[in-house]
Amino acid sequence: MIYDGVKKYLSDTQVELYEAYSQKKSFLFEGAQGLSLDLDHGLYPHTTSSNTVAGQMSVGAGIGLNGVHRVIGVAKAYVSRVGISPFPTELNGEDAEYLRERGSEYGTTTG
């Protein structure tokens, strides 16, 4: 049984998105983690459990590719990673700490 206070927040999001798409509403999907962690295109086995590339947003949302009219990408000037994985180059020490603090680069395992 679902707690009554939560019921109003639950719905079939695929149906909701399709209805909004049919009304020509705009969508904003937020993605994270970047290409190097993509399950199919990333640095396997150091990947996440899903696809992180923009082309997969329609799969996750249940909206066909023909419904995607514009993709805007935002990139950082550096790559960061939580956990251990190979990088061709790596920055450690004071400079790494400075970037972590300045960019607020804290994941679930780093605090």
N, C-alpha and C. Protein backbone atom coordinates (compact mmCIF):
# COMPACT_ATOMS: atom_id res chain seq x y z
N MET A 1 0.83 -1.18 0.00
CA MET A 1 0.00 0.00 0.00
C MET A 1 0.89 1.25 0.00
N ILE A 2 0.53 2.22 -0.82
CA ILE A 2 1.30 3.46 -0.94
C ILE A 2 0.74 4.49 0.05
N TYR A 3 1.64 5.11 0.77
CA TYR A 3 1.27 6.16 1.71
C TYR A 3 0.52 7.26 0.98
N ASP A 4 -0.62 7.69 1.50
CA ASP A 4 -1.49 8.67 0.84
C ASP A 4 -0.77 9.99 0.52
N GLY A 5 0.15 10.42 1.36
CA GLY A 5 0.86 11.66 1.12
C GLY A 5 1.78 11.61 -0.08
N VAL A 6 2.12 10.41 -0.53
CA VAL A 6 3.03 10.23 -1.66
C VAL A 6 2.27 10.04 -2.96
N LYS A 7 1.04 9.56 -2.90
CA LYS A 7 0.26 9.22 -4.10
C LYS A 7 0.18 10.36 -5.11
N LYS A 8 0.03 11.59 -4.63
CA LYS A 8 -0.12 12.71 -5.56
C LYS A 8 1.14 12.98 -6.38
N TYR A 9 2.27 12.43 -5.96
CA TYR A 9 3.53 12.61 -6.68
C TYR A 9 3.84 11.47 -7.64
N LEU A 10 3.00 10.46 -7.69
CA LEU A 10 3.24 9.30 -8.53
C LEU A 10 2.39 9.36 -9.78
N SER A 11 2.98 9.00 -10.89
CA SER A 11 2.23 8.92 -12.15
C SER A 11 3.04 8.12 -13.15
N ASP A 12 2.42 7.80 -14.24
CA ASP A 12 3.10 7.12 -15.34
C ASP A 12 3.77 8.21 -16.17
N THR A 13 5.04 8.43 -15.95
CA THR A 13 5.72 9.56 -16.58
C THR A 13 5.76 9.44 -18.10
N GLN A 14 5.77 8.23 -18.63
CA GLN A 14 5.77 8.08 -20.08
C GLN A 14 4.47 8.64 -20.67
N VAL A 15 3.36 8.40 -20.03
CA VAL A 15 2.08 8.93 -20.48
C VAL A 15 2.07 10.45 -20.35
N GLU A 16 2.55 10.95 -19.22
CA GLU A 16 2.59 12.40 -18.98
C GLU A 16 3.46 13.10 -20.03
N LEU A 17 4.63 12.53 -20.31
CA LEU A 17 5.52 13.13 -21.30
C LEU A 17 4.91 13.08 -22.69
N TYR A 18 4.27 11.97 -23.04
CA TYR A 18 3.64 11.86 -24.36
C TYR A 18 2.54 12.90 -24.53
N GLU A 19 1.72 13.07 -23.49
CA GLU A 19 0.65 14.07 -23.57
C GLU A 19 1.23 15.47 -23.73
N ALA A 20 2.26 15.78 -22.98
CA ALA A 20 2.89 17.10 -23.09
C ALA A 20 3.54 17.27 -24.46
N TYR A 21 4.16 16.21 -24.97
CA TYR A 21 4.78 16.24 -26.29
C TYR A 21 3.72 16.48 -27.36
N SER A 22 2.57 15.83 -27.22
CA SER A 22 1.47 16.00 -28.18
C SER A 22 0.97 17.45 -28.19
N GLN A 23 1.13 18.14 -27.07
CA GLN A 23 0.71 19.54 -26.96
C GLN A 23 1.85 20.49 -27.33
N LYS A 24 2.93 19.92 -27.89
CA LYS A 24 4.09 20.68 -28.35
C LYS A 24 4.76 21.48 -27.22
N LYS A 25 4.74 20.93 -26.03
CA LYS A 25 5.42 21.57 -24.91
C LYS A 25 6.92 21.29 -25.00
N SER A 26 7.71 22.14 -24.38
CA SER A 26 9.16 21.97 -24.37
C SER A 26 9.58 21.14 -23.16
N PHE A 27 10.72 20.49 -23.28
CA PHE A 27 11.26 19.67 -22.21
C PHE A 27 12.70 20.06 -21.95
N LEU A 28 13.10 19.90 -20.73
CA LEU A 28 14.49 20.07 -20.36
C LEU A 28 14.90 18.81 -19.62
N PHE A 29 15.81 18.05 -20.21
CA PHE A 29 16.34 16.85 -19.58
C PHE A 29 17.75 17.16 -19.09
N GLU A 30 18.04 16.76 -17.90
CA GLU A 30 19.36 16.99 -17.34
C GLU A 30 20.12 15.66 -17.35
N GLY A 31 21.30 15.70 -17.87
CA GLY A 31 22.14 14.51 -17.88
C GLY A 31 23.40 14.78 -17.09
N ALA A 32 24.02 13.73 -16.65
CA ALA A 32 25.23 13.91 -15.86
C ALA A 32 26.22 12.82 -16.19
N GLN A 33 27.41 12.97 -15.71
CA GLN A 33 28.46 11.97 -15.76
C GLN A 33 29.26 11.96 -17.04
N GLY A 34 28.70 12.29 -18.17
CA GLY A 34 29.48 12.44 -19.39
C GLY A 34 29.81 11.15 -20.11
N LEU A 35 30.41 11.32 -21.26
CA LEU A 35 30.67 10.22 -22.18
C LEU A 35 31.57 9.14 -21.60
N SER A 36 32.58 9.51 -20.85
CA SER A 36 33.53 8.50 -20.38
C SER A 36 32.90 7.50 -19.43
N LEU A 37 31.74 7.83 -18.84
CA LEU A 37 31.06 6.88 -17.95
C LEU A 37 29.90 6.17 -18.64
N ASP A 38 29.64 6.47 -19.90
CA ASP A 38 28.53 5.83 -20.62
C ASP A 38 28.75 4.32 -20.70
N LEU A 39 27.69 3.57 -20.44
CA LEU A 39 27.79 2.11 -20.40
C LEU A 39 28.30 1.52 -21.71
N ASP A 40 27.84 2.06 -22.84
CA ASP A 40 28.23 1.51 -24.15
C ASP A 40 29.45 2.19 -24.76
N HIS A 41 29.66 3.46 -24.47
CA HIS A 41 30.70 4.23 -25.14
C HIS A 41 31.81 4.71 -24.21
N GLY A 42 31.70 4.39 -22.95
CA GLY A 42 32.65 4.87 -21.97
C GLY A 42 33.87 3.99 -21.79
N LEU A 43 34.63 4.26 -20.76
CA LEU A 43 35.87 3.55 -20.47
C LEU A 43 35.57 2.30 -19.62
N TYR A 44 34.92 1.33 -20.26
CA TYR A 44 34.54 0.10 -19.57
C TYR A 44 35.78 -0.61 -19.03
N PRO A 45 35.78 -1.16 -17.85
CA PRO A 45 34.66 -1.42 -16.95
C PRO A 45 34.40 -0.29 -15.96
N HIS A 46 34.98 0.87 -16.17
CA HIS A 46 34.83 1.98 -15.24
C HIS A 46 33.69 2.90 -15.68
N THR A 47 32.52 2.32 -15.87
CA THR A 47 31.36 3.06 -16.35
C THR A 47 30.24 3.00 -15.32
N THR A 48 29.20 3.77 -15.59
CA THR A 48 28.01 3.72 -14.76
C THR A 48 27.07 2.66 -15.33
N SER A 49 25.92 2.49 -14.75
CA SER A 49 25.02 1.40 -15.16
C SER A 49 24.08 1.79 -16.28
N SER A 50 24.24 2.99 -16.84
CA SER A 50 23.29 3.43 -17.87
C SER A 50 24.01 4.24 -18.94
N ASN A 51 23.23 4.66 -19.92
CA ASN A 51 23.78 5.51 -20.97
C ASN A 51 23.71 6.96 -20.55
N THR A 52 24.77 7.71 -20.81
CA THR A 52 24.84 9.11 -20.40
C THR A 52 24.90 10.06 -21.60
N VAL A 53 24.94 9.54 -22.81
CA VAL A 53 25.04 10.40 -23.99
C VAL A 53 23.66 10.96 -24.36
N ALA A 54 23.65 12.13 -24.99
CA ALA A 54 22.41 12.84 -25.29
C ALA A 54 21.44 12.01 -26.13
N GLY A 55 21.94 11.19 -27.03
CA GLY A 55 21.07 10.39 -27.89
C GLY A 55 20.20 9.40 -27.13
N GLN A 56 20.57 9.10 -25.91
CA GLN A 56 19.80 8.13 -25.12
C GLN A 56 18.67 8.78 -24.32
N MET A 57 18.58 10.11 -24.32
CA MET A 57 17.53 10.74 -23.52
C MET A 57 16.15 10.36 -24.02
N SER A 58 16.00 10.19 -25.31
CA SER A 58 14.68 9.82 -25.83
C SER A 58 14.30 8.40 -25.41
N VAL A 59 15.27 7.53 -25.28
CA VAL A 59 15.00 6.16 -24.83
C VAL A 59 14.50 6.17 -23.39
N GLY A 60 15.20 6.88 -22.53
CA GLY A 60 14.82 6.93 -21.13
C GLY A 60 13.50 7.62 -20.89
N ALA A 61 13.19 8.61 -21.73
CA ALA A 61 11.96 9.37 -21.56
C ALA A 61 10.78 8.75 -22.29
N GLY A 62 11.05 7.88 -23.25
CA GLY A 62 9.97 7.29 -24.03
C GLY A 62 9.47 8.18 -25.14
N ILE A 63 10.30 9.13 -25.55
CA ILE A 63 9.96 10.03 -26.65
C ILE A 63 10.85 9.66 -27.82
N GLY A 64 10.28 9.54 -29.00
CA GLY A 64 11.05 9.14 -30.17
C GLY A 64 12.12 10.15 -30.54
N LEU A 65 13.15 9.70 -31.23
CA LEU A 65 14.24 10.59 -31.64
C LEU A 65 13.76 11.75 -32.49
N ASN A 66 12.69 11.54 -33.26
CA ASN A 66 12.19 12.64 -34.09
C ASN A 66 11.60 13.75 -33.24
N GLY A 67 11.38 13.51 -31.96
CA GLY A 67 10.86 14.53 -31.06
C GLY A 67 11.93 15.42 -30.48
N VAL A 68 13.20 15.07 -30.69
CA VAL A 68 14.30 15.87 -30.16
C VAL A 68 14.72 16.86 -31.24
N HIS A 69 14.51 18.14 -30.95
CA HIS A 69 14.79 19.16 -31.96
C HIS A 69 16.07 19.94 -31.68
N ARG A 70 16.51 19.93 -30.44
CA ARG A 70 17.71 20.68 -30.11
C ARG A 70 18.35 20.07 -28.87
N VAL A 71 19.65 19.93 -28.91
CA VAL A 71 20.42 19.45 -27.77
C VAL A 71 21.48 20.50 -27.47
N ILE A 72 21.54 20.91 -26.22
CA ILE A 72 22.55 21.87 -25.79
C ILE A 72 23.48 21.14 -24.83
N GLY A 73 24.75 21.15 -25.12
CA GLY A 73 25.72 20.50 -24.27
C GLY A 73 26.51 21.50 -23.45
N VAL A 74 26.81 21.14 -22.23
CA VAL A 74 27.63 21.96 -21.36
C VAL A 74 28.81 21.10 -20.94
N ALA A 75 30.00 21.64 -21.07
CA ALA A 75 31.19 20.86 -20.74
C ALA A 75 32.07 21.63 -19.76
N LYS A 76 32.79 20.90 -18.96
CA LYS A 76 33.78 21.49 -18.07
C LYS A 76 35.13 21.51 -18.78
N ALA A 77 36.03 22.31 -18.26
CA ALA A 77 37.37 22.39 -18.83
C ALA A 77 38.25 21.25 -18.35
N TYR A 78 37.73 20.43 -17.46
CA TYR A 78 38.49 19.31 -16.93
C TYR A 78 37.53 18.15 -16.66
N VAL A 79 38.07 16.99 -16.49
CA VAL A 79 37.28 15.79 -16.21
C VAL A 79 37.52 15.41 -14.76
N SER A 80 36.47 15.01 -14.09
CA SER A 80 36.62 14.55 -12.72
C SER A 80 35.94 13.20 -12.57
N ARG A 81 36.31 12.48 -11.57
CA ARG A 81 35.79 11.13 -11.39
C ARG A 81 35.76 10.80 -9.92
N VAL A 82 34.68 10.17 -9.48
CA VAL A 82 34.60 9.65 -8.12
C VAL A 82 35.01 8.19 -8.19
N GLY A 83 35.89 7.79 -7.33
CA GLY A 83 36.34 6.40 -7.34
C GLY A 83 37.63 6.24 -8.11
N ILE A 84 37.93 5.01 -8.44
CA ILE A 84 39.20 4.68 -9.09
C ILE A 84 38.94 4.24 -10.52
N SER A 85 39.70 4.79 -11.44
CA SER A 85 39.66 4.37 -12.84
C SER A 85 40.86 4.98 -13.54
N PRO A 86 41.22 4.41 -14.69
CA PRO A 86 42.41 4.91 -15.38
C PRO A 86 42.15 6.22 -16.12
N PHE A 87 43.09 7.11 -16.05
CA PHE A 87 43.08 8.34 -16.84
C PHE A 87 44.44 8.45 -17.50
N PRO A 88 44.51 8.97 -18.72
CA PRO A 88 45.82 9.13 -19.35
C PRO A 88 46.71 10.08 -18.56
N THR A 89 46.10 11.10 -17.98
CA THR A 89 46.83 12.01 -17.11
C THR A 89 45.99 12.23 -15.86
N GLU A 90 46.65 12.57 -14.79
CA GLU A 90 45.91 12.79 -13.55
C GLU A 90 46.60 13.86 -12.74
N LEU A 91 45.80 14.68 -12.10
CA LEU A 91 46.30 15.77 -11.28
C LEU A 91 46.05 15.44 -9.82
N ASN A 92 47.08 15.52 -9.01
CA ASN A 92 46.96 15.25 -7.58
C ASN A 92 47.52 16.43 -6.79
N GLY A 93 47.35 16.39 -5.50
CA GLY A 93 47.95 17.40 -4.64
C GLY A 93 47.14 18.67 -4.53
N GLU A 94 47.85 19.77 -4.28
CA GLU A 94 47.20 21.06 -4.04
C GLU A 94 46.35 21.52 -5.22
N ASP A 95 46.85 21.34 -6.44
CA ASP A 95 46.09 21.78 -7.62
C ASP A 95 44.78 21.00 -7.74
N ALA A 96 44.83 19.71 -7.48
CA ALA A 96 43.62 18.89 -7.53
C ALA A 96 42.63 19.32 -6.46
N GLU A 97 43.12 19.59 -5.28
CA GLU A 97 42.25 20.04 -4.19
C GLU A 97 41.63 21.40 -4.51
N TYR A 98 42.41 22.28 -5.12
CA TYR A 98 41.89 23.59 -5.51
C TYR A 98 40.73 23.43 -6.49
N LEU A 99 40.91 22.61 -7.53
CA LEU A 99 39.84 22.38 -8.51
C LEU A 99 38.62 21.75 -7.86
N ARG A 100 38.84 20.80 -6.96
CA ARG A 100 37.72 20.15 -6.28
C ARG A 100 36.91 21.16 -5.48
N GLU A 101 37.62 22.01 -4.74
CA GLU A 101 36.93 23.02 -3.93
C GLU A 101 36.24 24.06 -4.82
N ARG A 102 36.96 24.57 -5.78
CA ARG A 102 36.44 25.63 -6.66
C ARG A 102 35.24 25.16 -7.48
N GLY A 103 35.28 23.92 -7.94
CA GLY A 103 34.20 23.37 -8.76
C GLY A 103 33.15 22.62 -7.97
N SER A 104 33.29 22.59 -6.66
CA SER A 104 32.36 21.82 -5.79
C SER A 104 32.23 20.39 -6.27
N GLU A 105 33.35 19.77 -6.54
CA GLU A 105 33.39 18.42 -7.09
C GLU A 105 33.37 17.38 -5.98
N TYR A 106 32.22 17.17 -5.42
CA TYR A 106 32.08 16.16 -4.36
C TYR A 106 30.98 15.20 -4.75
N GLY A 107 31.32 13.92 -4.77
CA GLY A 107 30.34 12.89 -5.06
C GLY A 107 29.90 12.19 -3.79
N THR A 108 29.15 11.14 -3.96
CA THR A 108 28.61 10.44 -2.80
C THR A 108 29.70 9.77 -1.97
N THR A 109 30.81 9.40 -2.61
CA THR A 109 31.86 8.74 -1.83
C THR A 109 32.91 9.72 -1.31
N THR A 110 32.91 10.96 -1.84
CA THR A 110 33.90 11.93 -1.38
C THR A 110 33.33 12.95 -0.41
N GLY A 111 32.02 12.91 -0.21
CA GLY A 111 31.40 13.83 0.75
C GLY A 111 30.87 15.06 0.10
